[in-house]
């Protein structure tokens, strides 16, 4: 395991698993499907794409920094079409799985 012998890294992985991942999954679950296209102002990223953007950021790090390969863009622009909740869940589950395999 990546955290073997490194207590700081082990603590960071625990924080990710217990707090970050759990909080994001809970927030998505509580977001009504009809509100996924809400944005705080015109031209800003919609809430449904914020969930994808969070996954995209760490996927970028994993692909570009760790694997030296081009990352997959999940949110091409703030005006991208609203994904369905099922599509967001699928993308986030794929993201969590990649990070778990890495950890």
N, C-alpha and C. Protein backbone atom coordinates (compact mmCIF):
# COMPACT_ATOMS: atom_id res chain seq x y z
N UNK A 1 0.84 -1.18 0.00
CA UNK A 1 0.00 0.00 0.00
C UNK A 1 0.89 1.24 0.00
N UNK A 2 0.43 2.27 -0.68
CA UNK A 2 1.18 3.51 -0.80
C UNK A 2 1.53 4.11 0.56
N UNK A 3 0.66 3.98 1.54
CA UNK A 3 0.87 4.62 2.83
C UNK A 3 1.76 3.82 3.78
N UNK A 4 2.17 2.61 3.41
CA UNK A 4 3.02 1.80 4.29
C UNK A 4 4.27 2.57 4.67
N UNK A 5 4.48 2.72 5.95
CA UNK A 5 5.70 3.37 6.43
C UNK A 5 5.67 4.88 6.41
N UNK A 6 4.60 5.49 5.99
CA UNK A 6 4.52 6.95 5.95
C UNK A 6 3.25 7.39 6.67
N UNK A 7 3.37 7.75 7.96
CA UNK A 7 2.18 8.10 8.74
C UNK A 7 1.44 9.34 8.22
N UNK A 8 2.16 10.31 7.66
CA UNK A 8 1.50 11.50 7.13
C UNK A 8 0.64 11.14 5.92
N UNK A 9 1.19 10.33 5.02
CA UNK A 9 0.44 9.90 3.85
C UNK A 9 -0.74 9.04 4.27
N UNK A 10 -0.55 8.17 5.25
CA UNK A 10 -1.65 7.34 5.75
C UNK A 10 -2.77 8.21 6.31
N UNK A 11 -2.41 9.29 7.01
CA UNK A 11 -3.39 10.22 7.56
C UNK A 11 -4.14 10.95 6.44
N UNK A 12 -3.43 11.33 5.39
CA UNK A 12 -4.07 12.02 4.26
C UNK A 12 -5.04 11.09 3.54
N UNK A 13 -4.67 9.84 3.37
CA UNK A 13 -5.55 8.87 2.72
C UNK A 13 -6.79 8.64 3.58
N UNK A 14 -6.61 8.53 4.89
CA UNK A 14 -7.75 8.37 5.80
C UNK A 14 -8.67 9.58 5.71
N UNK A 15 -8.12 10.79 5.68
CA UNK A 15 -8.93 12.01 5.55
C UNK A 15 -9.72 11.97 4.25
N UNK A 16 -9.07 11.57 3.16
CA UNK A 16 -9.75 11.49 1.87
C UNK A 16 -10.90 10.50 1.93
N UNK A 17 -10.63 9.30 2.46
CA UNK A 17 -11.67 8.26 2.50
C UNK A 17 -12.81 8.61 3.45
N UNK A 18 -12.47 9.08 4.65
CA UNK A 18 -13.48 9.26 5.70
C UNK A 18 -14.22 10.59 5.60
N UNK A 19 -13.56 11.63 5.11
CA UNK A 19 -14.18 12.96 5.12
C UNK A 19 -14.50 13.49 3.72
N UNK A 20 -13.51 13.58 2.88
CA UNK A 20 -13.70 14.21 1.57
C UNK A 20 -14.63 13.39 0.70
N UNK A 21 -14.30 12.14 0.50
CA UNK A 21 -15.13 11.27 -0.34
C UNK A 21 -16.55 11.17 0.22
N UNK A 22 -16.66 10.93 1.52
CA UNK A 22 -17.98 10.78 2.14
C UNK A 22 -18.79 12.06 2.03
N UNK A 23 -18.17 13.20 2.25
CA UNK A 23 -18.89 14.48 2.18
C UNK A 23 -19.37 14.78 0.76
N UNK A 24 -18.53 14.52 -0.23
CA UNK A 24 -18.92 14.78 -1.61
C UNK A 24 -20.05 13.85 -2.06
N UNK A 25 -19.94 12.58 -1.69
CA UNK A 25 -21.00 11.64 -2.05
C UNK A 25 -22.33 12.03 -1.38
N UNK A 26 -22.25 12.46 -0.12
CA UNK A 26 -23.45 12.89 0.60
C UNK A 26 -24.06 14.14 -0.04
N UNK A 27 -23.22 15.10 -0.39
CA UNK A 27 -23.70 16.33 -1.02
C UNK A 27 -24.38 16.02 -2.36
N UNK A 28 -23.79 15.15 -3.15
CA UNK A 28 -24.40 14.79 -4.43
C UNK A 28 -25.74 14.07 -4.21
N UNK A 29 -25.76 13.16 -3.26
CA UNK A 29 -26.99 12.43 -2.98
C UNK A 29 -28.11 13.39 -2.58
N UNK A 30 -27.78 14.43 -1.84
CA UNK A 30 -28.79 15.38 -1.35
C UNK A 30 -29.17 16.44 -2.39
N UNK A 31 -28.42 16.55 -3.44
CA UNK A 31 -28.72 17.55 -4.48
C UNK A 31 -29.83 17.01 -5.38
N UNK A 32 -30.96 17.71 -5.41
CA UNK A 32 -32.05 17.24 -6.28
C UNK A 32 -31.63 17.27 -7.76
N UNK A 33 -32.07 16.27 -8.50
CA UNK A 33 -31.74 16.18 -9.93
C UNK A 33 -32.07 17.48 -10.66
N UNK A 34 -33.20 18.10 -10.31
CA UNK A 34 -33.62 19.33 -10.96
C UNK A 34 -32.76 20.54 -10.64
N UNK A 35 -31.87 20.43 -9.66
CA UNK A 35 -31.01 21.56 -9.29
C UNK A 35 -29.59 21.42 -9.82
N UNK A 36 -29.31 20.36 -10.55
CA UNK A 36 -27.94 20.15 -11.03
C UNK A 36 -27.49 21.19 -12.05
N UNK A 37 -28.44 21.89 -12.65
CA UNK A 37 -28.07 22.91 -13.63
C UNK A 37 -28.05 24.32 -13.02
N UNK A 38 -28.12 24.43 -11.70
CA UNK A 38 -28.08 25.72 -11.02
C UNK A 38 -26.65 26.25 -11.00
N UNK A 39 -26.50 27.55 -11.19
CA UNK A 39 -25.22 28.24 -11.07
C UNK A 39 -25.46 29.52 -10.28
N UNK A 40 -24.48 29.98 -9.51
CA UNK A 40 -24.69 31.19 -8.71
C UNK A 40 -24.84 32.46 -9.54
N UNK A 41 -24.35 32.44 -10.76
CA UNK A 41 -24.48 33.60 -11.66
C UNK A 41 -24.31 33.12 -13.09
N UNK A 42 -24.79 33.91 -14.02
CA UNK A 42 -24.66 33.57 -15.44
C UNK A 42 -23.19 33.40 -15.81
N UNK A 43 -22.91 32.35 -16.57
CA UNK A 43 -21.55 32.10 -17.04
C UNK A 43 -20.68 31.32 -16.07
N UNK A 44 -21.20 31.04 -14.88
CA UNK A 44 -20.42 30.27 -13.90
C UNK A 44 -20.72 28.77 -14.05
N UNK A 45 -19.84 27.96 -13.54
CA UNK A 45 -20.01 26.51 -13.63
C UNK A 45 -21.24 26.08 -12.84
N UNK A 46 -22.01 25.15 -13.42
CA UNK A 46 -23.22 24.67 -12.76
C UNK A 46 -22.85 23.65 -11.69
N UNK A 47 -23.74 23.48 -10.73
CA UNK A 47 -23.43 22.61 -9.59
C UNK A 47 -23.17 21.16 -10.01
N UNK A 48 -23.89 20.66 -11.00
CA UNK A 48 -23.64 19.29 -11.46
C UNK A 48 -22.22 19.13 -11.97
N UNK A 49 -21.73 20.14 -12.67
CA UNK A 49 -20.36 20.06 -13.19
C UNK A 49 -19.30 20.32 -12.12
N UNK A 50 -19.69 20.94 -11.01
CA UNK A 50 -18.74 21.11 -9.91
C UNK A 50 -18.32 19.75 -9.36
N UNK A 51 -19.29 18.84 -9.22
CA UNK A 51 -18.95 17.50 -8.75
C UNK A 51 -17.96 16.83 -9.71
N UNK A 52 -18.19 16.98 -11.00
CA UNK A 52 -17.27 16.41 -11.99
C UNK A 52 -15.92 17.12 -11.95
N UNK A 53 -15.93 18.41 -11.75
CA UNK A 53 -14.69 19.19 -11.71
C UNK A 53 -13.79 18.74 -10.55
N UNK A 54 -14.38 18.43 -9.41
CA UNK A 54 -13.60 17.94 -8.27
C UNK A 54 -12.91 16.64 -8.65
N UNK A 55 -13.64 15.73 -9.28
CA UNK A 55 -13.03 14.48 -9.73
C UNK A 55 -11.97 14.74 -10.79
N UNK A 56 -12.27 15.66 -11.69
CA UNK A 56 -11.36 15.99 -12.79
C UNK A 56 -10.01 16.50 -12.26
N UNK A 57 -10.04 17.29 -11.20
CA UNK A 57 -8.80 17.86 -10.65
C UNK A 57 -7.85 16.78 -10.15
N UNK A 58 -8.35 15.86 -9.35
CA UNK A 58 -7.44 14.83 -8.86
C UNK A 58 -7.14 13.79 -9.93
N UNK A 59 -8.07 13.59 -10.86
CA UNK A 59 -7.75 12.72 -12.00
C UNK A 59 -6.64 13.35 -12.84
N UNK A 60 -6.67 14.68 -13.01
CA UNK A 60 -5.62 15.37 -13.75
C UNK A 60 -4.27 15.10 -13.08
N UNK A 61 -4.22 15.27 -11.76
CA UNK A 61 -2.98 15.03 -11.02
C UNK A 61 -2.52 13.58 -11.21
N UNK A 62 -3.45 12.66 -11.08
CA UNK A 62 -3.11 11.24 -11.20
C UNK A 62 -2.56 10.93 -12.59
N UNK A 63 -3.23 11.41 -13.64
CA UNK A 63 -2.80 11.13 -15.01
C UNK A 63 -1.54 11.90 -15.40
N UNK A 64 -1.60 13.21 -15.26
CA UNK A 64 -0.53 14.08 -15.78
C UNK A 64 0.75 13.98 -14.94
N UNK A 65 0.61 14.00 -13.62
CA UNK A 65 1.79 14.02 -12.75
C UNK A 65 2.32 12.62 -12.47
N UNK A 66 1.43 11.73 -12.06
CA UNK A 66 1.88 10.40 -11.66
C UNK A 66 2.13 9.47 -12.85
N UNK A 67 1.29 9.54 -13.88
CA UNK A 67 1.40 8.61 -15.00
C UNK A 67 1.98 9.22 -16.26
N UNK A 68 2.23 10.53 -16.26
CA UNK A 68 2.81 11.23 -17.42
C UNK A 68 2.01 10.97 -18.69
N UNK A 69 0.67 11.05 -18.57
CA UNK A 69 -0.20 10.86 -19.73
C UNK A 69 -1.27 11.94 -19.73
N UNK A 70 -1.88 12.15 -20.87
CA UNK A 70 -2.92 13.17 -21.02
C UNK A 70 -4.15 12.77 -20.20
N UNK A 71 -4.66 13.72 -19.44
CA UNK A 71 -5.85 13.43 -18.63
C UNK A 71 -7.11 13.62 -19.45
N UNK A 72 -8.19 13.01 -18.97
CA UNK A 72 -9.50 13.11 -19.63
C UNK A 72 -10.24 14.31 -19.04
N UNK A 73 -10.71 15.17 -19.92
CA UNK A 73 -11.46 16.34 -19.48
C UNK A 73 -12.92 15.95 -19.28
N UNK A 74 -13.44 16.14 -18.06
CA UNK A 74 -14.82 15.80 -17.76
C UNK A 74 -15.76 16.99 -17.97
N UNK A 75 -15.24 18.19 -17.77
CA UNK A 75 -16.05 19.40 -17.89
C UNK A 75 -15.34 20.34 -18.87
N UNK A 76 -15.70 20.31 -20.15
CA UNK A 76 -15.01 21.13 -21.15
C UNK A 76 -15.12 22.63 -20.92
N UNK A 77 -16.25 23.11 -20.38
CA UNK A 77 -16.40 24.55 -20.13
C UNK A 77 -17.49 24.75 -19.10
N UNK A 78 -17.53 25.93 -18.47
CA UNK A 78 -18.58 26.20 -17.50
C UNK A 78 -19.98 26.10 -18.09
N UNK A 79 -20.09 26.24 -19.40
CA UNK A 79 -21.41 26.20 -20.05
C UNK A 79 -21.76 24.81 -20.57
N UNK A 80 -20.99 23.80 -20.19
CA UNK A 80 -21.26 22.44 -20.64
C UNK A 80 -22.66 22.01 -20.21
N UNK A 81 -23.25 21.12 -21.00
CA UNK A 81 -24.59 20.61 -20.71
C UNK A 81 -24.61 19.92 -19.35
N UNK A 82 -25.74 20.02 -18.69
CA UNK A 82 -25.90 19.40 -17.37
C UNK A 82 -25.92 17.87 -17.51
N UNK A 83 -25.01 17.18 -16.85
CA UNK A 83 -25.06 15.72 -16.88
C UNK A 83 -26.18 15.22 -15.96
N UNK A 84 -26.64 14.01 -16.20
CA UNK A 84 -27.64 13.43 -15.29
C UNK A 84 -26.95 13.05 -13.98
N UNK A 85 -27.73 12.92 -12.94
CA UNK A 85 -27.17 12.52 -11.64
C UNK A 85 -26.52 11.14 -11.76
N UNK A 86 -27.14 10.25 -12.52
CA UNK A 86 -26.58 8.91 -12.71
C UNK A 86 -25.21 8.99 -13.39
N UNK A 87 -25.06 9.88 -14.37
CA UNK A 87 -23.77 10.05 -15.05
C UNK A 87 -22.72 10.62 -14.10
N UNK A 88 -23.14 11.55 -13.23
CA UNK A 88 -22.20 12.13 -12.26
C UNK A 88 -21.76 11.06 -11.27
N UNK A 89 -22.71 10.28 -10.77
CA UNK A 89 -22.39 9.19 -9.84
C UNK A 89 -21.41 8.22 -10.49
N UNK A 90 -21.67 7.86 -11.74
CA UNK A 90 -20.78 6.92 -12.46
C UNK A 90 -19.37 7.50 -12.60
N UNK A 91 -19.27 8.78 -12.97
CA UNK A 91 -17.95 9.41 -13.12
C UNK A 91 -17.22 9.48 -11.78
N UNK A 92 -17.96 9.82 -10.71
CA UNK A 92 -17.33 9.90 -9.40
C UNK A 92 -16.92 8.53 -8.89
N UNK A 93 -17.74 7.51 -9.12
CA UNK A 93 -17.38 6.15 -8.71
C UNK A 93 -16.13 5.68 -9.44
N UNK A 94 -16.03 5.99 -10.73
CA UNK A 94 -14.83 5.65 -11.50
C UNK A 94 -13.62 6.36 -10.91
N UNK A 95 -13.80 7.62 -10.59
CA UNK A 95 -12.74 8.42 -9.97
C UNK A 95 -12.30 7.82 -8.63
N UNK A 96 -13.27 7.52 -7.75
CA UNK A 96 -12.92 6.95 -6.44
C UNK A 96 -12.18 5.62 -6.62
N UNK A 97 -12.63 4.82 -7.57
CA UNK A 97 -11.98 3.53 -7.82
C UNK A 97 -10.53 3.69 -8.26
N UNK A 98 -10.27 4.67 -9.12
CA UNK A 98 -8.90 4.92 -9.57
C UNK A 98 -8.01 5.32 -8.39
N UNK A 99 -8.53 6.20 -7.54
CA UNK A 99 -7.73 6.64 -6.39
C UNK A 99 -7.52 5.50 -5.40
N UNK A 100 -8.53 4.68 -5.18
CA UNK A 100 -8.37 3.54 -4.27
C UNK A 100 -7.30 2.58 -4.78
N UNK A 101 -7.31 2.30 -6.08
CA UNK A 101 -6.27 1.41 -6.63
C UNK A 101 -4.89 2.03 -6.46
N UNK A 102 -4.81 3.35 -6.62
CA UNK A 102 -3.53 4.03 -6.45
C UNK A 102 -3.07 3.98 -5.00
N UNK A 103 -4.00 4.25 -4.07
CA UNK A 103 -3.64 4.23 -2.64
C UNK A 103 -3.25 2.84 -2.22
